[in-house]
Amino acid sequence: MLLAGLDGDARAYRRFLDELAKRLRAFLRRRLFDMHDHVEDIVQETLLAVHNARHTYRRDQPVTAWVYAIARYKLMDFLRTRMRHDALNDPLDDAADLFEASAEDASDARRDVAALLDALPDRQRLPIDMVKLQGLSVAETARITGMSESAVKVGVHRGLKALAARIRGQR
């Protein structure tokens, strides 16, 4: 129907848009399960975008892929705008608990990392602490610890591998 419409058949083009609108509604309802009142707006924006971009459709490509790509972009635009609008309208009073909890969580995380690092031998713990946590360079860490630069790199690598295994419960 789209191809016939592009070739000048207005009736076929109208049927294409009507059929497309039905499919778009179903597509968008599945994705906007809690915002059904916005579905029709996005359908209309998508139909308008399809109409305005119809000259870009390549006849050798599937129509559905082209149309649903446009629909996904319109959906993402809506969600992006909606998220930005919602974030601007959130009262700060509701966020106080979030900030308090994050400070406690950070303290808990530091304690957990310290406990994990304490279980490592010095040749792994010191390089991880200095390079990864304090942000020192490998050369600086080697100079401070008296280790070679390659030993520092190996210590970081093996230490992180040991920590990952410990977190997964393998040791």
Protein backbone atom coordinates (compact mmCIF):
# COMPACT_ATOMS: atom_id res chain seq x y z
CA MET A 1 0.00 0.00 0.00
CA LEU A 2 2.87 2.38 0.76
CA LEU A 3 4.47 1.73 -2.62
CA ALA A 4 1.17 2.32 -4.39
CA GLY A 5 0.77 5.52 -2.38
CA LEU A 6 4.25 6.66 -3.34
CA ASP A 7 3.30 6.00 -6.97
CA GLY A 8 0.31 8.34 -6.63
CA ASP A 9 -2.57 6.12 -5.42
CA ALA A 10 -4.11 8.34 -2.71
CA ARG A 11 -6.64 5.68 -1.62
CA ALA A 12 -3.90 3.07 -1.10
CA TYR A 13 -1.82 5.58 0.84
CA ARG A 14 -4.80 6.38 3.09
CA ARG A 15 -5.33 2.63 3.75
CA PHE A 16 -1.63 2.33 4.54
CA LEU A 17 -1.85 5.13 7.13
CA ASP A 18 -5.04 3.69 8.68
CA GLU A 19 -3.51 0.22 8.97
CA LEU A 20 -0.26 1.66 10.27
CA ALA A 21 -2.11 3.64 12.96
CA LYS A 22 -3.71 0.41 14.28
CA ARG A 23 -0.36 -1.36 14.44
CA LEU A 24 1.35 1.61 16.05
CA ARG A 25 -1.30 1.81 18.77
CA ALA A 26 -0.70 -1.84 19.66
CA PHE A 27 3.08 -1.36 19.51
CA LEU A 28 2.97 1.68 21.79
CA ARG A 29 0.40 0.28 24.26
CA ARG A 30 2.74 -2.63 24.95
CA ARG A 31 5.56 -0.21 25.72
CA LEU A 32 3.60 2.48 27.56
CA PHE A 33 1.57 0.18 29.79
CA ASP A 34 1.04 2.84 32.46
CA MET A 35 0.69 5.88 30.14
CA HIS A 36 -2.08 4.90 27.71
CA ASP A 37 -3.35 8.46 27.51
CA HIS A 38 -0.17 9.43 25.60
CA VAL A 39 -0.37 6.64 23.01
CA GLU A 40 -2.57 8.55 20.56
CA ASP A 41 -0.28 11.59 20.65
CA ILE A 42 2.75 9.46 19.80
CA VAL A 43 0.79 7.62 17.08
CA GLN A 44 -0.08 10.94 15.46
CA GLU A 45 3.50 12.22 15.72
CA THR A 46 4.78 8.99 14.19
CA LEU A 47 2.27 9.11 11.34
CA LEU A 48 3.28 12.69 10.63
CA ALA A 49 6.97 11.73 10.69
CA VAL A 50 6.31 8.80 8.34
CA HIS A 51 4.39 11.08 5.98
CA ASN A 52 7.11 13.75 6.04
CA ALA A 53 9.89 11.19 5.54
CA ARG A 54 8.11 9.02 2.95
CA HIS A 55 10.52 10.22 0.26
CA THR A 56 13.40 8.61 2.22
CA TYR A 57 11.87 5.14 2.14
CA ARG A 58 13.95 2.76 0.05
CA ARG A 59 11.77 0.37 -1.92
CA ASP A 60 14.17 -2.54 -1.47
CA GLN A 61 13.92 -2.35 2.35
CA PRO A 62 11.15 -3.79 4.56
CA VAL A 63 8.45 -1.23 5.34
CA THR A 64 7.97 -2.47 8.91
CA ALA A 65 11.63 -1.96 9.86
CA TRP A 66 11.56 1.59 8.48
CA VAL A 67 8.28 2.49 10.16
CA TYR A 68 9.12 0.93 13.53
CA ALA A 69 12.47 2.70 13.56
CA ILE A 70 10.62 6.00 13.24
CA ALA A 71 8.14 4.90 15.92
CA ARG A 72 10.96 3.97 18.31
CA TYR A 73 12.58 7.38 17.81
CA LYS A 74 9.28 9.13 18.53
CA LEU A 75 8.76 6.96 21.61
CA MET A 76 12.27 7.72 22.86
CA ASP A 77 11.73 11.45 22.27
CA PHE A 78 8.54 11.27 24.32
CA LEU A 79 10.18 9.34 27.15
CA ARG A 80 13.21 11.64 27.19
CA THR A 81 10.98 14.71 27.39
CA ARG A 82 8.77 13.07 29.99
CA MET A 83 11.74 12.07 32.18
CA ARG A 84 13.24 15.55 31.98
CA HIS A 85 9.89 17.12 32.85
CA ASP A 86 9.26 14.72 35.74
CA ALA A 87 12.75 15.27 37.16
CA LEU A 88 12.27 19.03 37.12
CA ASN A 89 9.01 18.73 39.03
CA ASP A 90 10.17 16.38 41.80
CA PRO A 91 10.03 18.15 45.16
CA LEU A 92 13.39 18.24 46.91
CA ASP A 93 11.77 17.34 50.24
CA ASP A 94 11.19 13.82 48.92
CA ALA A 95 14.89 13.46 48.05
CA ALA A 96 16.21 14.10 51.58
CA ASP A 97 15.96 10.43 52.48
CA LEU A 98 17.89 9.52 49.35
CA PHE A 99 20.83 11.74 50.29
CA GLU A 100 20.92 10.45 53.86
CA ALA A 101 20.83 6.84 52.70
CA SER A 102 23.57 7.40 50.12
CA ALA A 103 25.97 8.69 52.79
CA GLU A 104 25.30 5.59 54.88
CA ASP A 105 25.65 3.37 51.81
CA ALA A 106 29.00 4.96 50.94
CA SER A 107 30.24 4.36 54.48
CA ASP A 108 29.08 0.74 54.31
CA ALA A 109 30.77 0.29 50.93
CA ARG A 110 34.08 1.69 52.24
CA ARG A 111 33.93 -0.69 55.18
CA ASP A 112 33.17 -3.65 52.91
CA VAL A 113 36.01 -2.78 50.51
CA ALA A 114 38.42 -2.39 53.44
CA ALA A 115 37.42 -5.81 54.78
CA LEU A 116 37.91 -7.40 51.36
CA LEU A 117 41.29 -5.74 50.89
CA ASP A 118 42.48 -6.81 54.35
CA ALA A 119 42.13 -10.42 53.25
CA LEU A 120 44.68 -9.90 50.45
CA PRO A 121 48.45 -10.22 50.85
CA ASP A 122 50.41 -6.94 50.87
CA ARG A 123 51.80 -7.51 47.35
CA GLN A 124 48.18 -7.32 46.05
CA ARG A 125 46.49 -5.09 48.64
CA LEU A 126 48.99 -2.20 48.47
CA PRO A 127 48.97 -1.84 44.66
CA ILE A 128 45.16 -1.92 44.55
CA ASP A 129 44.88 0.62 47.35
CA MET A 130 47.43 3.01 45.88
CA VAL A 131 46.65 2.70 42.15
CA LYS A 132 42.91 2.05 42.12
CA LEU A 133 41.69 3.76 45.30
CA GLN A 134 44.18 6.59 45.85
CA GLY A 135 44.75 7.25 42.14
CA LEU A 136 48.55 7.06 42.20
CA SER A 137 50.39 6.05 39.06
CA VAL A 138 52.07 2.67 38.72
CA ALA A 139 55.48 4.39 38.83
CA GLU A 140 54.62 6.29 42.03
CA THR A 141 53.30 3.13 43.65
CA ALA A 142 56.44 1.22 42.67
CA ARG A 143 58.67 3.94 44.14
CA ILE A 144 56.71 4.08 47.44
CA THR A 145 56.41 0.31 47.92
CA GLY A 146 59.83 -0.64 46.57
CA MET A 147 58.21 -2.98 44.07
CA SER A 148 58.98 -2.97 40.36
CA GLU A 149 56.40 -1.40 38.05
CA SER A 150 55.59 -4.79 36.55
CA ALA A 151 55.13 -6.24 40.06
CA VAL A 152 52.67 -3.42 40.82
CA LYS A 153 50.71 -4.18 37.65
CA VAL A 154 50.70 -7.91 38.39
CA GLY A 155 49.66 -7.22 42.00
CA VAL A 156 46.72 -5.10 40.85
CA HIS A 157 45.64 -7.69 38.30
CA ARG A 158 45.92 -10.70 40.62
CA GLY A 159 44.42 -8.81 43.53
CA LEU A 160 41.36 -7.73 41.55
CA LYS A 161 40.97 -11.28 40.27
CA ALA A 162 41.15 -12.61 43.85
CA LEU A 163 38.62 -10.02 45.03
CA ALA A 164 36.22 -10.94 42.24
CA ALA A 165 36.51 -14.62 43.11
CA ARG A 166 35.96 -13.88 46.79
CA ILE A 167 32.88 -11.76 46.07
CA ARG A 168 31.47 -14.56 43.93
CA GLY A 169 32.07 -16.93 46.83
CA GLN A 170 34.69 -19.05 45.13
CA ARG A 171 37.23 -18.64 47.95
